[in-house]
Amino acid sequence: MVNLYSHDDFKHIEEIIDKYKAKENITPSLHLIMSFIILFTLIYCLTKTKNIFITILLILILSLNSVRIFIQFHDMCHKSFFKSNERETGKDGINGFWSKIIESFGFYSSHTWRNGHGNHHKVHGNKNLHD
């Protein structure tokens, strides 16, 4: 197995990643709740507006919010959106639970995403394996 990264590189990467790990669950919960308040508010507004320019603006905002929800889903599948010990135990916890709940909003199965996309990260930097 030939890696592009040395042991020191991995240590440095881990130090960088540690700064962005969830420290508590209140902030990610508020972000998730806000995303869905925005989603349902925009959908409601779309049903009420008759102005094409407002409709286009709402669809643009809705698209950006959909990307936001998908990023949250992505982080949940990496077991990193909420603070948990899921990575250490290998078992589903709060991240796994919520990724399954919102998978239909991300248009992807959390199980399929976790396995397929997780493999993408496993082979990154390894010259002998392909994505």
Protein backbone atom coordinates (compact mmCIF):
# COMPACT_ATOMS: atom_id res chain seq x y z
CA MET A 1 0.00 0.00 0.00
CA VAL A 2 1.55 3.25 -1.15
CA ASN A 3 0.21 6.40 0.50
CA LEU A 4 0.84 9.95 -0.57
CA TYR A 5 0.83 10.97 3.09
CA SER A 6 3.36 10.22 5.80
CA HIS A 7 2.55 9.42 9.42
CA ASP A 8 3.38 13.06 10.30
CA ASP A 9 1.01 14.25 7.57
CA PHE A 10 -1.80 12.17 9.08
CA LYS A 11 -1.08 13.59 12.53
CA HIS A 12 -1.21 17.13 11.13
CA ILE A 13 -4.48 16.38 9.33
CA GLU A 14 -5.98 14.99 12.56
CA GLU A 15 -4.97 18.17 14.43
CA ILE A 16 -6.73 20.29 11.81
CA ILE A 17 -9.85 18.09 11.86
CA ASP A 18 -10.04 18.16 15.67
CA LYS A 19 -10.68 21.92 15.56
CA TYR A 20 -13.89 21.29 13.62
CA LYS A 21 -15.33 18.35 15.57
CA ALA A 22 -18.64 18.99 17.27
CA LYS A 23 -18.03 20.05 20.87
CA GLU A 24 -21.71 19.86 21.90
CA ASN A 25 -25.09 19.11 20.33
CA ILE A 26 -27.04 22.34 20.81
CA THR A 27 -25.43 24.26 17.93
CA PRO A 28 -25.82 21.49 15.33
CA SER A 29 -29.40 20.93 16.51
CA LEU A 30 -30.20 24.60 16.01
CA HIS A 31 -28.62 24.53 12.54
CA LEU A 32 -30.71 21.50 11.58
CA ILE A 33 -33.93 22.98 12.96
CA MET A 34 -33.26 26.27 11.16
CA SER A 35 -32.67 24.44 7.87
CA PHE A 36 -36.09 22.78 8.11
CA ILE A 37 -37.86 25.96 9.22
CA ILE A 38 -36.39 27.65 6.14
CA LEU A 39 -37.35 24.70 3.93
CA PHE A 40 -41.00 24.57 4.97
CA THR A 41 -41.36 28.36 5.05
CA LEU A 42 -40.06 28.59 1.48
CA ILE A 43 -42.37 25.81 0.32
CA TYR A 44 -45.32 27.57 1.94
CA CYS A 45 -44.34 30.90 0.34
CA LEU A 46 -44.07 29.20 -3.05
CA THR A 47 -47.66 28.01 -2.75
CA LYS A 48 -48.87 31.56 -2.00
CA THR A 49 -46.94 33.74 -4.45
CA LYS A 50 -48.18 34.61 -7.90
CA ASN A 51 -45.24 36.81 -8.89
CA ILE A 52 -42.77 35.04 -11.19
CA PHE A 53 -39.77 37.03 -9.92
CA ILE A 54 -40.55 36.17 -6.30
CA THR A 55 -41.02 32.55 -7.34
CA ILE A 56 -37.60 32.50 -9.00
CA LEU A 57 -36.01 34.09 -5.93
CA LEU A 58 -37.69 31.59 -3.60
CA ILE A 59 -36.56 28.68 -5.77
CA LEU A 60 -32.99 29.98 -5.71
CA ILE A 61 -33.05 30.25 -1.91
CA LEU A 62 -34.71 26.83 -1.68
CA SER A 63 -31.93 25.36 -3.82
CA LEU A 64 -29.24 26.82 -1.57
CA ASN A 65 -31.05 25.54 1.52
CA SER A 66 -31.28 22.08 -0.08
CA VAL A 67 -27.50 22.11 -0.47
CA ARG A 68 -27.22 23.09 3.20
CA ILE A 69 -29.41 20.14 4.23
CA PHE A 70 -27.36 17.81 2.05
CA ILE A 71 -24.12 19.04 3.69
CA GLN A 72 -25.65 18.36 7.11
CA PHE A 73 -26.70 14.89 5.90
CA HIS A 74 -23.15 14.34 4.57
CA ASP A 75 -21.63 15.24 7.94
CA MET A 76 -24.12 12.98 9.75
CA CYS A 77 -23.11 10.09 7.50
CA HIS A 78 -19.50 10.80 8.48
CA LYS A 79 -20.73 10.64 12.10
CA SER A 80 -19.38 14.11 12.72
CA PHE A 81 -22.36 16.51 12.69
CA PHE A 82 -23.38 15.81 16.29
CA LYS A 83 -20.96 15.07 19.10
CA SER A 84 -20.96 11.32 19.67
CA ASN A 85 -18.74 8.29 20.03
CA GLU A 86 -20.11 6.63 16.88
CA ARG A 87 -16.76 6.68 15.11
CA GLU A 88 -15.05 4.92 18.00
CA THR A 89 -17.79 2.32 18.59
CA GLY A 90 -18.74 1.78 14.94
CA LYS A 91 -22.41 1.81 15.98
CA ASP A 92 -25.12 4.20 14.92
CA GLY A 93 -26.02 6.91 17.38
CA ILE A 94 -27.48 10.38 17.02
CA ASN A 95 -25.75 11.00 13.65
CA GLY A 96 -26.94 7.69 12.22
CA PHE A 97 -30.46 8.21 13.54
CA TRP A 98 -30.86 11.71 12.06
CA SER A 99 -29.18 10.80 8.76
CA LYS A 100 -31.86 8.13 8.29
CA ILE A 101 -34.61 10.62 9.15
CA ILE A 102 -33.47 13.28 6.67
CA GLU A 103 -32.15 11.01 3.91
CA SER A 104 -35.19 11.68 1.74
CA PHE A 105 -34.38 15.41 1.84
CA GLY A 106 -30.84 14.64 0.64
CA PHE A 107 -32.20 12.36 -2.09
CA TYR A 108 -29.82 9.58 -1.05
CA SER A 109 -29.96 6.58 1.26
CA SER A 110 -27.78 7.20 4.31
CA HIS A 111 -26.57 3.58 4.24
CA THR A 112 -25.55 3.79 0.59
CA TRP A 113 -23.95 7.20 1.03
CA ARG A 114 -22.04 6.12 4.16
CA ASN A 115 -20.62 3.03 2.47
CA GLY A 116 -19.91 4.46 -0.98
CA HIS A 117 -18.71 7.88 0.06
CA GLY A 118 -16.85 6.45 3.06
CA ASN A 119 -14.86 4.28 0.66
CA HIS A 120 -13.97 7.42 -1.30
CA HIS A 121 -12.30 8.81 1.83
CA LYS A 122 -10.58 5.50 2.65
CA VAL A 123 -8.77 5.34 -0.68
CA HIS A 124 -7.86 9.03 -0.87
CA GLY A 125 -4.09 9.35 -0.99
CA ASN A 126 -3.52 5.64 -1.70
CA LYS A 127 -1.94 5.17 -5.11
CA ASN A 128 -2.89 1.49 -5.27
CA LEU A 129 -6.63 1.92 -4.73
CA HIS A 130 -9.14 3.66 -6.94
CA ASP A 131 -12.32 5.47 -6.08
